[in-house]
């Protein structure tokens, strides 16, 4: 009985370490979403924080602020979609943002 328990404990510890590594990889992840053929770019970190916003001067039109707002929103949504895709890799069927590191399997 002691050997089986030790083995389970070791497996649990390994799983914890691998999940911690995966969390660190996700936190270090950066994705960039674009809109308007690159007129607006938004970069998100793995924690979903906005890291950068780039707006090309040619898309700034004082008479069409709503258009710029739409581009920013679209770029953010694109980046968010990419972030969910990247952070969800590794284990089919797991909820977005939840995955296991490469090589981890049951």
PDB file of N, CA and C in Angstrom:
ATOM      1  N   UNK A   1       0.813  -1.194   0.000  1.00  0.00           N
ATOM      2  CA  UNK A   1       0.000   0.000   0.000  1.00  0.00           C
ATOM      3  C   UNK A   1       0.860   1.262   0.000  1.00  0.00           C
ATOM      4  N   UNK A   2       1.951   1.264   0.747  1.00  0.00           N
ATOM      5  CA  UNK A   2       2.815   2.428   0.807  1.00  0.00           C
ATOM      6  C   UNK A   2       3.427   2.777  -0.533  1.00  0.00           C
ATOM      7  N   UNK A   3       3.805   1.782  -1.320  1.00  0.00           N
ATOM      8  CA  UNK A   3       4.421   2.020  -2.620  1.00  0.00           C
ATOM      9  C   UNK A   3       3.443   2.690  -3.576  1.00  0.00           C
ATOM     10  N   UNK A   4       2.198   2.216  -3.589  1.00  0.00           N
ATOM     11  CA  UNK A   4       1.179   2.807  -4.457  1.00  0.00           C
ATOM     12  C   UNK A   4       0.911   4.257  -4.101  1.00  0.00           C
ATOM     13  N   UNK A   5       0.866   4.538  -2.794  1.00  0.00           N
ATOM     14  CA  UNK A   5       0.640   5.902  -2.334  1.00  0.00           C
ATOM     15  C   UNK A   5       1.797   6.805  -2.734  1.00  0.00           C
ATOM     16  N   UNK A   6       3.019   6.316  -2.579  1.00  0.00           N
ATOM     17  CA  UNK A   6       4.204   7.091  -2.958  1.00  0.00           C
ATOM     18  C   UNK A   6       4.188   7.406  -4.445  1.00  0.00           C
ATOM     19  N   UNK A   7       3.791   6.420  -5.228  1.00  0.00           N
ATOM     20  CA  UNK A   7       3.734   6.615  -6.678  1.00  0.00           C
ATOM     21  C   UNK A   7       2.696   7.682  -7.035  1.00  0.00           C
ATOM     22  N   UNK A   8       1.531   7.623  -6.410  1.00  0.00           N
ATOM     23  CA  UNK A   8       0.471   8.615  -6.657  1.00  0.00           C
ATOM     24  C   UNK A   8       0.929  10.003  -6.225  1.00  0.00           C
ATOM     25  N   UNK A   9       1.604  10.056  -5.090  1.00  0.00           N
ATOM     26  CA  UNK A   9       2.095  11.330  -4.578  1.00  0.00           C
ATOM     27  C   UNK A   9       3.121  11.926  -5.547  1.00  0.00           C
ATOM     28  N   UNK A  10       4.000  11.084  -6.064  1.00  0.00           N
ATOM     29  CA  UNK A  10       5.012  11.535  -7.018  1.00  0.00           C
ATOM     30  C   UNK A  10       4.343  12.021  -8.304  1.00  0.00           C
ATOM     31  N   UNK A  11       3.337  11.287  -8.784  1.00  0.00           N
ATOM     32  CA  UNK A  11       2.617  11.698  -9.989  1.00  0.00           C
ATOM     33  C   UNK A  11       1.922  13.037  -9.768  1.00  0.00           C
ATOM     34  N   UNK A  12       1.327  13.219  -8.602  1.00  0.00           N
ATOM     35  CA  UNK A  12       0.644  14.479  -8.289  1.00  0.00           C
ATOM     36  C   UNK A  12       1.636  15.636  -8.263  1.00  0.00           C
ATOM     37  N   UNK A  13       2.816  15.400  -7.690  1.00  0.00           N
ATOM     38  CA  UNK A  13       3.844  16.438  -7.632  1.00  0.00           C
ATOM     39  C   UNK A  13       4.321  16.796  -9.036  1.00  0.00           C
ATOM     40  N   UNK A  14       4.512  15.772  -9.880  1.00  0.00           N
ATOM     41  CA  UNK A  14       4.941  16.020 -11.259  1.00  0.00           C
ATOM     42  C   UNK A  14       3.871  16.809 -12.014  1.00  0.00           C
ATOM     43  N   UNK A  15       2.622  16.456 -11.795  1.00  0.00           N
ATOM     44  CA  UNK A  15       1.532  17.161 -12.458  1.00  0.00           C
ATOM     45  C   UNK A  15       1.493  18.616 -12.009  1.00  0.00           C
ATOM     46  N   UNK A  16       1.685  18.860 -10.716  1.00  0.00           N
ATOM     47  CA  UNK A  16       1.725  20.220 -10.191  1.00  0.00           C
ATOM     48  C   UNK A  16       2.840  21.019 -10.846  1.00  0.00           C
ATOM     49  N   UNK A  17       4.015  20.421 -10.962  1.00  0.00           N
ATOM     50  CA  UNK A  17       5.152  21.104 -11.574  1.00  0.00           C
ATOM     51  C   UNK A  17       4.869  21.429 -13.033  1.00  0.00           C
ATOM     52  N   UNK A  18       4.284  20.468 -13.754  1.00  0.00           N
ATOM     53  CA  UNK A  18       3.987  20.691 -15.163  1.00  0.00           C
ATOM     54  C   UNK A  18       2.903  21.751 -15.336  1.00  0.00           C
ATOM     55  N   UNK A  19       1.907  21.756 -14.469  1.00  0.00           N
ATOM     56  CA  UNK A  19       0.867  22.777 -14.546  1.00  0.00           C
ATOM     57  C   UNK A  19       1.433  24.153 -14.216  1.00  0.00           C
ATOM     58  N   UNK A  20       2.348  24.228 -13.265  1.00  0.00           N
ATOM     59  CA  UNK A  20       2.987  25.499 -12.928  1.00  0.00           C
ATOM     60  C   UNK A  20       3.804  26.008 -14.111  1.00  0.00           C
ATOM     61  N   UNK A  21       4.508  25.091 -14.786  1.00  0.00           N
ATOM     62  CA  UNK A  21       5.284  25.472 -15.966  1.00  0.00           C
ATOM     63  C   UNK A  21       4.359  25.968 -17.071  1.00  0.00           C
ATOM     64  N   UNK A  22       3.243  25.268 -17.277  1.00  0.00           N
ATOM     65  CA  UNK A  22       2.292  25.673 -18.295  1.00  0.00           C
ATOM     66  C   UNK A  22       1.728  27.056 -17.979  1.00  0.00           C
ATOM     67  N   UNK A  23       1.403  27.308 -16.714  1.00  0.00           N
ATOM     68  CA  UNK A  23       0.875  28.609 -16.314  1.00  0.00           C
ATOM     69  C   UNK A  23       1.890  29.706 -16.604  1.00  0.00           C
ATOM     70  N   UNK A  24       3.155  29.433 -16.324  1.00  0.00           N
ATOM     71  CA  UNK A  24       4.212  30.412 -16.598  1.00  0.00           C
ATOM     72  C   UNK A  24       4.315  30.685 -18.097  1.00  0.00           C
ATOM     73  N   UNK A  25       4.228  29.629 -18.916  1.00  0.00           N
ATOM     74  CA  UNK A  25       4.279  29.800 -20.363  1.00  0.00           C
ATOM     75  C   UNK A  25       3.110  30.648 -20.848  1.00  0.00           C
ATOM     76  N   UNK A  26       1.933  30.418 -20.302  1.00  0.00           N
ATOM     77  CA  UNK A  26       0.762  31.206 -20.692  1.00  0.00           C
ATOM     78  C   UNK A  26       0.943  32.660 -20.277  1.00  0.00           C
ATOM     79  N   UNK A  27       1.458  32.890 -19.071  1.00  0.00           N
ATOM     80  CA  UNK A  27       1.673  34.258 -18.603  1.00  0.00           C
ATOM     81  C   UNK A  27       2.677  34.998 -19.477  1.00  0.00           C
ATOM     82  N   UNK A  28       3.658  34.292 -20.026  1.00  0.00           N
ATOM     83  CA  UNK A  28       4.669  34.916 -20.876  1.00  0.00           C
ATOM     84  C   UNK A  28       4.231  35.037 -22.331  1.00  0.00           C
ATOM     85  N   UNK A  29       3.098  34.460 -22.660  1.00  0.00           N
ATOM     86  CA  UNK A  29       2.587  34.471 -24.019  1.00  0.00           C
ATOM     87  C   UNK A  29       2.135  35.874 -24.411  1.00  0.00           C
ATOM     88  N   UNK A  30       2.405  36.261 -25.646  1.00  0.00           N
ATOM     89  CA  UNK A  30       1.877  37.501 -26.207  1.00  0.00           C
ATOM     90  C   UNK A  30       1.319  37.196 -27.579  1.00  0.00           C
ATOM     91  N   UNK A  31       0.128  37.730 -27.854  1.00  0.00           N
ATOM     92  CA  UNK A  31      -0.489  37.580 -29.165  1.00  0.00           C
ATOM     93  C   UNK A  31      -0.915  38.960 -29.646  1.00  0.00           C
ATOM     94  N   UNK A  32      -0.922  39.130 -30.971  1.00  0.00           N
ATOM     95  CA  UNK A  32      -1.317  40.404 -31.554  1.00  0.00           C
ATOM     96  C   UNK A  32      -2.501  40.197 -32.472  1.00  0.00           C
ATOM     97  N   UNK A  33      -3.529  40.987 -32.237  1.00  0.00           N
ATOM     98  CA  UNK A  33      -4.706  40.986 -33.098  1.00  0.00           C
ATOM     99  C   UNK A  33      -4.666  42.215 -33.980  1.00  0.00           C
ATOM    100  N   UNK A  34      -5.182  42.076 -35.187  1.00  0.00           N
ATOM    101  CA  UNK A  34      -5.173  43.198 -36.124  1.00  0.00           C
ATOM    102  C   UNK A  34      -6.571  43.436 -36.676  1.00  0.00           C
ATOM    103  N   UNK A  35      -6.761  44.639 -37.196  1.00  0.00           N
ATOM    104  CA  UNK A  35      -8.007  44.988 -37.865  1.00  0.00           C
ATOM    105  C   UNK A  35      -7.685  45.990 -38.964  1.00  0.00           C
ATOM    106  N   UNK A  36      -8.550  46.020 -39.976  1.00  0.00           N
ATOM    107  CA  UNK A  36      -8.359  46.979 -41.067  1.00  0.00           C
ATOM    108  C   UNK A  36      -7.073  46.747 -41.824  1.00  0.00           C
ATOM    109  N   UNK A  37      -6.762  45.491 -42.108  1.00  0.00           N
ATOM    110  CA  UNK A  37      -5.518  45.146 -42.818  1.00  0.00           C
ATOM    111  C   UNK A  37      -4.284  45.736 -42.152  1.00  0.00           C
ATOM    112  N   UNK A  38      -4.243  45.658 -40.833  1.00  0.00           N
ATOM    113  CA  UNK A  38      -3.065  46.111 -40.103  1.00  0.00           C
ATOM    114  C   UNK A  38      -3.089  47.573 -39.696  1.00  0.00           C
ATOM    115  N   UNK A  39      -4.196  48.269 -39.933  1.00  0.00           N
ATOM    116  CA  UNK A  39      -4.268  49.671 -39.520  1.00  0.00           C
ATOM    117  C   UNK A  39      -4.245  49.802 -37.999  1.00  0.00           C
ATOM    118  N   UNK A  40      -4.826  48.829 -37.328  1.00  0.00           N
ATOM    119  CA  UNK A  40      -4.841  48.820 -35.865  1.00  0.00           C
ATOM    120  C   UNK A  40      -4.329  47.464 -35.396  1.00  0.00           C
ATOM    121  N   UNK A  41      -3.401  47.492 -34.433  1.00  0.00           N
ATOM    122  CA  UNK A  41      -2.872  46.266 -33.833  1.00  0.00           C
ATOM    123  C   UNK A  41      -2.961  46.384 -32.319  1.00  0.00           C
ATOM    124  N   UNK A  42      -3.386  45.300 -31.697  1.00  0.00           N
ATOM    125  CA  UNK A  42      -3.428  45.246 -30.236  1.00  0.00           C
ATOM    126  C   UNK A  42      -2.725  43.972 -29.795  1.00  0.00           C
ATOM    127  N   UNK A  43      -1.793  44.114 -28.856  1.00  0.00           N
ATOM    128  CA  UNK A  43      -1.064  42.969 -28.315  1.00  0.00           C
ATOM    129  C   UNK A  43      -1.538  42.716 -26.891  1.00  0.00           C
ATOM    130  N   UNK A  44      -1.920  41.458 -26.653  1.00  0.00           N
ATOM    131  CA  UNK A  44      -2.363  41.043 -25.322  1.00  0.00           C
ATOM    132  C   UNK A  44      -1.348  40.091 -24.712  1.00  0.00           C
ATOM    133  N   UNK A  45      -1.199  40.185 -23.396  1.00  0.00           N
ATOM    134  CA  UNK A  45      -0.389  39.229 -22.663  1.00  0.00           C
ATOM    135  C   UNK A  45      -1.231  38.025 -22.293  1.00  0.00           C
ATOM    136  N   UNK A  46      -0.578  36.971 -21.854  1.00  0.00           N
ATOM    137  CA  UNK A  46      -1.259  35.742 -21.491  1.00  0.00           C
ATOM    138  C   UNK A  46      -2.269  35.907 -20.371  1.00  0.00           C
ATOM    139  N   UNK A  47      -2.129  36.956 -19.587  1.00  0.00           N
ATOM    140  CA  UNK A  47      -3.094  37.238 -18.520  1.00  0.00           C
ATOM    141  C   UNK A  47      -4.231  38.115 -19.021  1.00  0.00           C
ATOM    142  N   UNK A  48      -4.291  38.297 -20.339  1.00  0.00           N
ATOM    143  CA  UNK A  48      -5.321  39.071 -21.030  1.00  0.00           C
ATOM    144  C   UNK A  48      -5.160  40.574 -20.829  1.00  0.00           C
ATOM    145  N   UNK A  49      -3.996  41.007 -20.336  1.00  0.00           N
ATOM    146  CA  UNK A  49      -3.749  42.436 -20.203  1.00  0.00           C
ATOM    147  C   UNK A  49      -3.293  42.989 -21.547  1.00  0.00           C
ATOM    148  N   UNK A  50      -3.700  44.221 -21.826  1.00  0.00           N
ATOM    149  CA  UNK A  50      -3.317  44.853 -23.073  1.00  0.00           C
ATOM    150  C   UNK A  50      -1.887  45.379 -22.918  1.00  0.00           C
ATOM    151  N   UNK A  51      -0.989  44.934 -23.802  1.00  0.00           N
ATOM    152  CA  UNK A  51       0.420  45.320 -23.717  1.00  0.00           C
ATOM    153  C   UNK A  51       0.749  46.498 -24.633  1.00  0.00           C
ATOM    154  N   UNK A  52       0.179  46.470 -25.846  1.00  0.00           N
ATOM    155  CA  UNK A  52       0.473  47.518 -26.824  1.00  0.00           C
ATOM    156  C   UNK A  52      -0.742  47.775 -27.705  1.00  0.00           C
ATOM    157  N   UNK A  53      -0.854  49.029 -28.130  1.00  0.00           N
ATOM    158  CA  UNK A  53      -1.838  49.413 -29.137  1.00  0.00           C
ATOM    159  C   UNK A  53      -1.083  50.215 -30.182  1.00  0.00           C
ATOM    160  N   UNK A  54      -1.209  49.807 -31.441  1.00  0.00           N
ATOM    161  CA  UNK A  54      -0.580  50.548 -32.536  1.00  0.00           C
ATOM    162  C   UNK A  54      -1.679  50.968 -33.506  1.00  0.00           C
ATOM    163  N   UNK A  55      -1.692  52.257 -33.828  1.00  0.00           N
ATOM    164  CA  UNK A  55      -2.675  52.795 -34.764  1.00  0.00           C
ATOM    165  C   UNK A  55      -1.913  53.547 -35.840  1.00  0.00           C
ATOM    166  N   UNK A  56      -2.081  53.116 -37.078  1.00  0.00           N
ATOM    167  CA  UNK A  56      -1.404  53.798 -38.183  1.00  0.00           C
ATOM    168  C   UNK A  56      -2.095  55.140 -38.431  1.00  0.00           C
ATOM    169  N   UNK A  57      -1.303  56.186 -38.674  1.00  0.00           N
ATOM    170  CA  UNK A  57      -1.864  57.534 -38.838  1.00  0.00           C
ATOM    171  C   UNK A  57      -2.944  57.629 -39.919  1.00  0.00           C
ATOM    172  N   UNK A  58      -2.814  56.844 -40.977  1.00  0.00           N
ATOM    173  CA  UNK A  58      -3.780  56.959 -42.069  1.00  0.00           C
ATOM    174  C   UNK A  58      -5.191  56.509 -41.695  1.00  0.00           C
ATOM    175  N   UNK A  59      -5.348  55.857 -40.564  1.00  0.00           N
ATOM    176  CA  UNK A  59      -6.703  55.431 -40.186  1.00  0.00           C
ATOM    177  C   UNK A  59      -7.366  56.415 -39.230  1.00  0.00           C
ATOM    178  N   UNK A  60      -6.649  57.470 -38.843  1.00  0.00           N
ATOM    179  CA  UNK A  60      -7.227  58.459 -37.943  1.00  0.00           C
ATOM    180  C   UNK A  60      -7.909  59.539 -38.774  1.00  0.00           C
ATOM    181  N   UNK A  61      -9.228  59.529 -38.713  1.00  0.00           N
ATOM    182  CA  UNK A  61     -10.046  60.494 -39.444  1.00  0.00           C
ATOM    183  C   UNK A  61     -10.951  61.172 -38.424  1.00  0.00           C
ATOM    184  N   UNK A  62     -10.751  62.465 -38.227  1.00  0.00           N
ATOM    185  CA  UNK A  62     -11.541  63.211 -37.243  1.00  0.00           C
ATOM    186  C   UNK A  62     -13.043  63.084 -37.488  1.00  0.00           C
ATOM    187  N   UNK A  63     -13.417  62.856 -38.730  1.00  0.00           N
ATOM    188  CA  UNK A  63     -14.836  62.748 -39.071  1.00  0.00           C
ATOM    189  C   UNK A  63     -15.367  61.329 -38.905  1.00  0.00           C
ATOM    190  N   UNK A  64     -14.500  60.370 -38.566  1.00  0.00           N
ATOM    191  CA  UNK A  64     -14.943  58.987 -38.441  1.00  0.00           C
ATOM    192  C   UNK A  64     -14.316  58.310 -37.219  1.00  0.00           C
ATOM    193  N   UNK A  65     -14.499  58.928 -36.073  1.00  0.00           N
ATOM    194  CA  UNK A  65     -13.979  58.361 -34.827  1.00  0.00           C
ATOM    195  C   UNK A  65     -14.626  57.002 -34.553  1.00  0.00           C
ATOM    196  N   UNK A  66     -15.899  56.854 -34.887  1.00  0.00           N
ATOM    197  CA  UNK A  66     -16.582  55.575 -34.670  1.00  0.00           C
ATOM    198  C   UNK A  66     -15.919  54.451 -35.463  1.00  0.00           C
ATOM    199  N   UNK A  67     -15.447  54.759 -36.659  1.00  0.00           N
ATOM    200  CA  UNK A  67     -14.742  53.753 -37.464  1.00  0.00           C
ATOM    201  C   UNK A  67     -13.467  53.297 -36.775  1.00  0.00           C
ATOM    202  N   UNK A  68     -12.726  54.242 -36.197  1.00  0.00           N
ATOM    203  CA  UNK A  68     -11.502  53.906 -35.463  1.00  0.00           C
ATOM    204  C   UNK A  68     -11.841  53.073 -34.228  1.00  0.00           C
ATOM    205  N   UNK A  69     -12.894  53.451 -33.529  1.00  0.00           N
ATOM    206  CA  UNK A  69     -13.313  52.683 -32.358  1.00  0.00           C
ATOM    207  C   UNK A  69     -13.659  51.246 -32.745  1.00  0.00           C
ATOM    208  N   UNK A  70     -14.333  51.082 -33.869  1.00  0.00           N
ATOM    209  CA  UNK A  70     -14.670  49.738 -34.358  1.00  0.00           C
ATOM    210  C   UNK A  70     -13.420  48.927 -34.674  1.00  0.00           C
ATOM    211  N   UNK A  71     -12.418  49.587 -35.282  1.00  0.00           N
ATOM    212  CA  UNK A  71     -11.168  48.889 -35.601  1.00  0.00           C
ATOM    213  C   UNK A  71     -10.451  48.448 -34.324  1.00  0.00           C
ATOM    214  N   UNK A  72     -10.436  49.314 -33.328  1.00  0.00           N
ATOM    215  CA  UNK A  72      -9.786  48.966 -32.059  1.00  0.00           C
ATOM    216  C   UNK A  72     -10.499  47.781 -31.413  1.00  0.00           C
ATOM    217  N   UNK A  73     -11.807  47.820 -31.395  1.00  0.00           N
ATOM    218  CA  UNK A  73     -12.583  46.723 -30.826  1.00  0.00           C
ATOM    219  C   UNK A  73     -12.344  45.424 -31.591  1.00  0.00           C
ATOM    220  N   UNK A  74     -12.321  45.509 -32.908  1.00  0.00           N
ATOM    221  CA  UNK A  74     -12.078  44.315 -33.731  1.00  0.00           C
ATOM    222  C   UNK A  74     -10.687  43.743 -33.489  1.00  0.00           C
ATOM    223  N   UNK A  75      -9.690  44.620 -33.382  1.00  0.00           N
ATOM    224  CA  UNK A  75      -8.322  44.160 -33.136  1.00  0.00           C
ATOM    225  C   UNK A  75      -8.220  43.492 -31.767  1.00  0.00           C
ATOM    226  N   UNK A  76      -8.875  44.071 -30.764  1.00  0.00           N
ATOM    227  CA  UNK A  76      -8.862  43.458 -29.434  1.00  0.00           C
ATOM    228  C   UNK A  76      -9.520  42.079 -29.474  1.00  0.00           C
ATOM    229  N   UNK A  77     -10.672  41.992 -30.112  1.00  0.00           N
ATOM    230  CA  UNK A  77     -11.375  40.707 -30.192  1.00  0.00           C
ATOM    231  C   UNK A  77     -10.555  39.666 -30.938  1.00  0.00           C
ATOM    232  N   UNK A  78      -9.837  40.087 -31.975  1.00  0.00           N
ATOM    233  CA  UNK A  78      -8.971  39.173 -32.718  1.00  0.00           C
ATOM    234  C   UNK A  78      -7.844  38.666 -31.821  1.00  0.00           C
ATOM    235  N   UNK A  79      -7.228  39.573 -31.070  1.00  0.00           N
ATOM    236  CA  UNK A  79      -6.145  39.174 -30.160  1.00  0.00           C
ATOM    237  C   UNK A  79      -6.673  38.243 -29.072  1.00  0.00           C
ATOM    238  N   UNK A  80      -7.841  38.541 -28.534  1.00  0.00           N
ATOM    239  CA  UNK A  80      -8.437  37.699 -27.495  1.00  0.00           C
ATOM    240  C   UNK A  80      -8.720  36.301 -28.031  1.00  0.00           C
ATOM    241  N   UNK A  81      -9.217  36.218 -29.244  1.00  0.00           N
ATOM    242  CA  UNK A  81      -9.491  34.923 -29.881  1.00  0.00           C
ATOM    243  C   UNK A  81      -8.194  34.124 -30.038  1.00  0.00           C
ATOM    244  N   UNK A  82      -7.117  34.811 -30.485  1.00  0.00           N
ATOM    245  CA  UNK A  82      -5.825  34.135 -30.649  1.00  0.00           C
ATOM    246  C   UNK A  82      -5.270  33.673 -29.307  1.00  0.00           C
ATOM    247  N   UNK A  83      -5.435  34.501 -28.285  1.00  0.00           N
ATOM    248  CA  UNK A  83      -4.942  34.143 -26.954  1.00  0.00           C
ATOM    249  C   UNK A  83      -5.647  32.895 -26.436  1.00  0.00           C
ATOM    250  N   UNK A  84      -6.954  32.832 -26.611  1.00  0.00           N
ATOM    251  CA  UNK A  84      -7.705  31.654 -26.172  1.00  0.00           C
ATOM    252  C   UNK A  84      -7.268  30.418 -26.945  1.00  0.00           C
ATOM    253  N   UNK A  85      -7.007  30.600 -28.230  1.00  0.00           N
ATOM    254  CA  UNK A  85      -6.561  29.477 -29.060  1.00  0.00           C
ATOM    255  C   UNK A  85      -5.192  28.983 -28.590  1.00  0.00           C
ATOM    256  N   UNK A  86      -4.260  29.907 -28.386  1.00  0.00           N
ATOM    257  CA  UNK A  86      -2.900  29.535 -27.975  1.00  0.00           C
ATOM    258  C   UNK A  86      -2.880  28.927 -26.575  1.00  0.00           C
ATOM    259  N   UNK A  87      -3.633  29.512 -25.660  1.00  0.00           N
ATOM    260  CA  UNK A  87      -3.600  29.003 -24.288  1.00  0.00           C
ATOM    261  C   UNK A  87      -4.428  27.733 -24.135  1.00  0.00           C
ATOM    262  N   UNK A  88      -5.239  27.403 -25.123  1.00  0.00           N
ATOM    263  CA  UNK A  88      -6.047  26.197 -25.066  1.00  0.00           C
ATOM    264  C   UNK A  88      -5.437  25.017 -25.781  1.00  0.00           C
ATOM    265  N   UNK A  89      -4.245  25.190 -26.345  1.00  0.00           N
ATOM    266  CA  UNK A  89      -3.577  24.090 -27.045  1.00  0.00           C
ATOM    267  C   UNK A  89      -3.133  23.033 -26.049  1.00  0.00           C
ATOM    268  N   UNK A  90      -3.065  21.807 -26.523  1.00  0.00           N
ATOM    269  CA  UNK A  90      -2.463  20.775 -25.688  1.00  0.00           C
ATOM    270  C   UNK A  90      -3.400  19.681 -25.261  1.00  0.00           C
ATOM    271  N   UNK A  91      -4.638  19.991 -24.983  1.00  0.00           N
ATOM    272  CA  UNK A  91      -5.543  18.947 -24.505  1.00  0.00           C
ATOM    273  C   UNK A  91      -6.936  19.198 -25.056  1.00  0.00           C
ATOM    274  N   UNK A  92      -7.324  18.472 -26.093  1.00  0.00           N
ATOM    275  CA  UNK A  92      -8.661  18.643 -26.655  1.00  0.00           C
ATOM    276  C   UNK A  92      -9.727  18.398 -25.596  1.00  0.00           C
ATOM    277  N   UNK A  93     -10.763  19.197 -25.656  1.00  0.00           N
ATOM    278  CA  UNK A  93     -11.866  19.025 -24.727  1.00  0.00           C
ATOM    279  C   UNK A  93     -11.732  19.824 -23.448  1.00  0.00           C
ATOM    280  N   UNK A  94     -10.558  20.425 -23.231  1.00  0.00           N
ATOM    281  CA  UNK A  94     -10.408  21.240 -22.031  1.00  0.00           C
ATOM    282  C   UNK A  94     -10.981  22.619 -22.312  1.00  0.00           C
ATOM    283  N   UNK A  95     -11.506  23.294 -21.302  1.00  0.00           N
ATOM    284  CA  UNK A  95     -12.065  24.627 -21.502  1.00  0.00           C
ATOM    285  C   UNK A  95     -10.987  25.600 -21.962  1.00  0.00           C
ATOM    286  N   UNK A  96     -11.367  26.673 -22.698  1.00  0.00           N
ATOM    287  CA  UNK A  96     -10.384  27.669 -23.125  1.00  0.00           C
ATOM    288  C   UNK A  96      -9.609  28.196 -21.930  1.00  0.00           C
ATOM    289  N   UNK A  97      -8.317  28.389 -22.132  1.00  0.00           N
ATOM    290  CA  UNK A  97      -7.455  28.877 -21.070  1.00  0.00           C
ATOM    291  C   UNK A  97      -6.939  27.785 -20.154  1.00  0.00           C
ATOM    292  N   UNK A  98      -7.410  26.573 -20.355  1.00  0.00           N
ATOM    293  CA  UNK A  98      -6.998  25.440 -19.538  1.00  0.00           C
ATOM    294  C   UNK A  98      -6.387  24.404 -20.451  1.00  0.00           C
ATOM    295  N   UNK A  99      -5.145  24.093 -20.268  1.00  0.00           N
ATOM    296  CA  UNK A  99      -4.526  23.043 -21.066  1.00  0.00           C
ATOM    297  C   UNK A  99      -3.405  22.408 -20.268  1.00  0.00           C
ATOM    298  N   UNK A 100      -2.897  21.338 -20.797  1.00  0.00           N
ATOM    299  CA  UNK A 100      -1.768  20.667 -20.164  1.00  0.00           C
ATOM    300  C   UNK A 100      -0.541  20.876 -21.024  1.00  0.00           C
ATOM    301  N   UNK A 101       0.640  20.892 -20.426  1.00  0.00           N
ATOM    302  CA  UNK A 101       1.855  21.123 -21.187  1.00  0.00           C
ATOM    303  C   UNK A 101       2.137  19.984 -22.157  1.00  0.00           C
ATOM    304  N   UNK A 102       2.925  20.276 -23.202  1.00  0.00           N
ATOM    305  CA  UNK A 102       3.285  19.240 -24.167  1.00  0.00           C
ATOM    306  C   UNK A 102       3.927  18.047 -23.478  1.00  0.00           C
ATOM    307  N   UNK A 103       3.576  16.866 -23.932  1.00  0.00           N
ATOM    308  CA  UNK A 103       4.155  15.657 -23.379  1.00  0.00           C
ATOM    309  C   UNK A 103       3.442  15.131 -22.155  1.00  0.00           C
ATOM    310  N   UNK A 104       2.489  15.883 -21.652  1.00  0.00           N
ATOM    311  CA  UNK A 104       1.759  15.440 -20.472  1.00  0.00           C
ATOM    312  C   UNK A 104       0.556  14.637 -20.922  1.00  0.00           C
ATOM    313  N   UNK A 105       0.417  13.448 -20.447  1.00  0.00           N
ATOM    314  CA  UNK A 105      -0.715  12.635 -20.865  1.00  0.00           C
ATOM    315  C   UNK A 105      -1.078  11.616 -19.821  1.00  0.00           C
ATOM    316  N   UNK A 106      -2.261  11.133 -19.943  1.00  0.00           N
ATOM    317  CA  UNK A 106      -2.751  10.107 -19.028  1.00  0.00           C
ATOM    318  C   UNK A 106      -2.898   8.819 -19.766  1.00  0.00           C
TER     319      UNK A 106
END
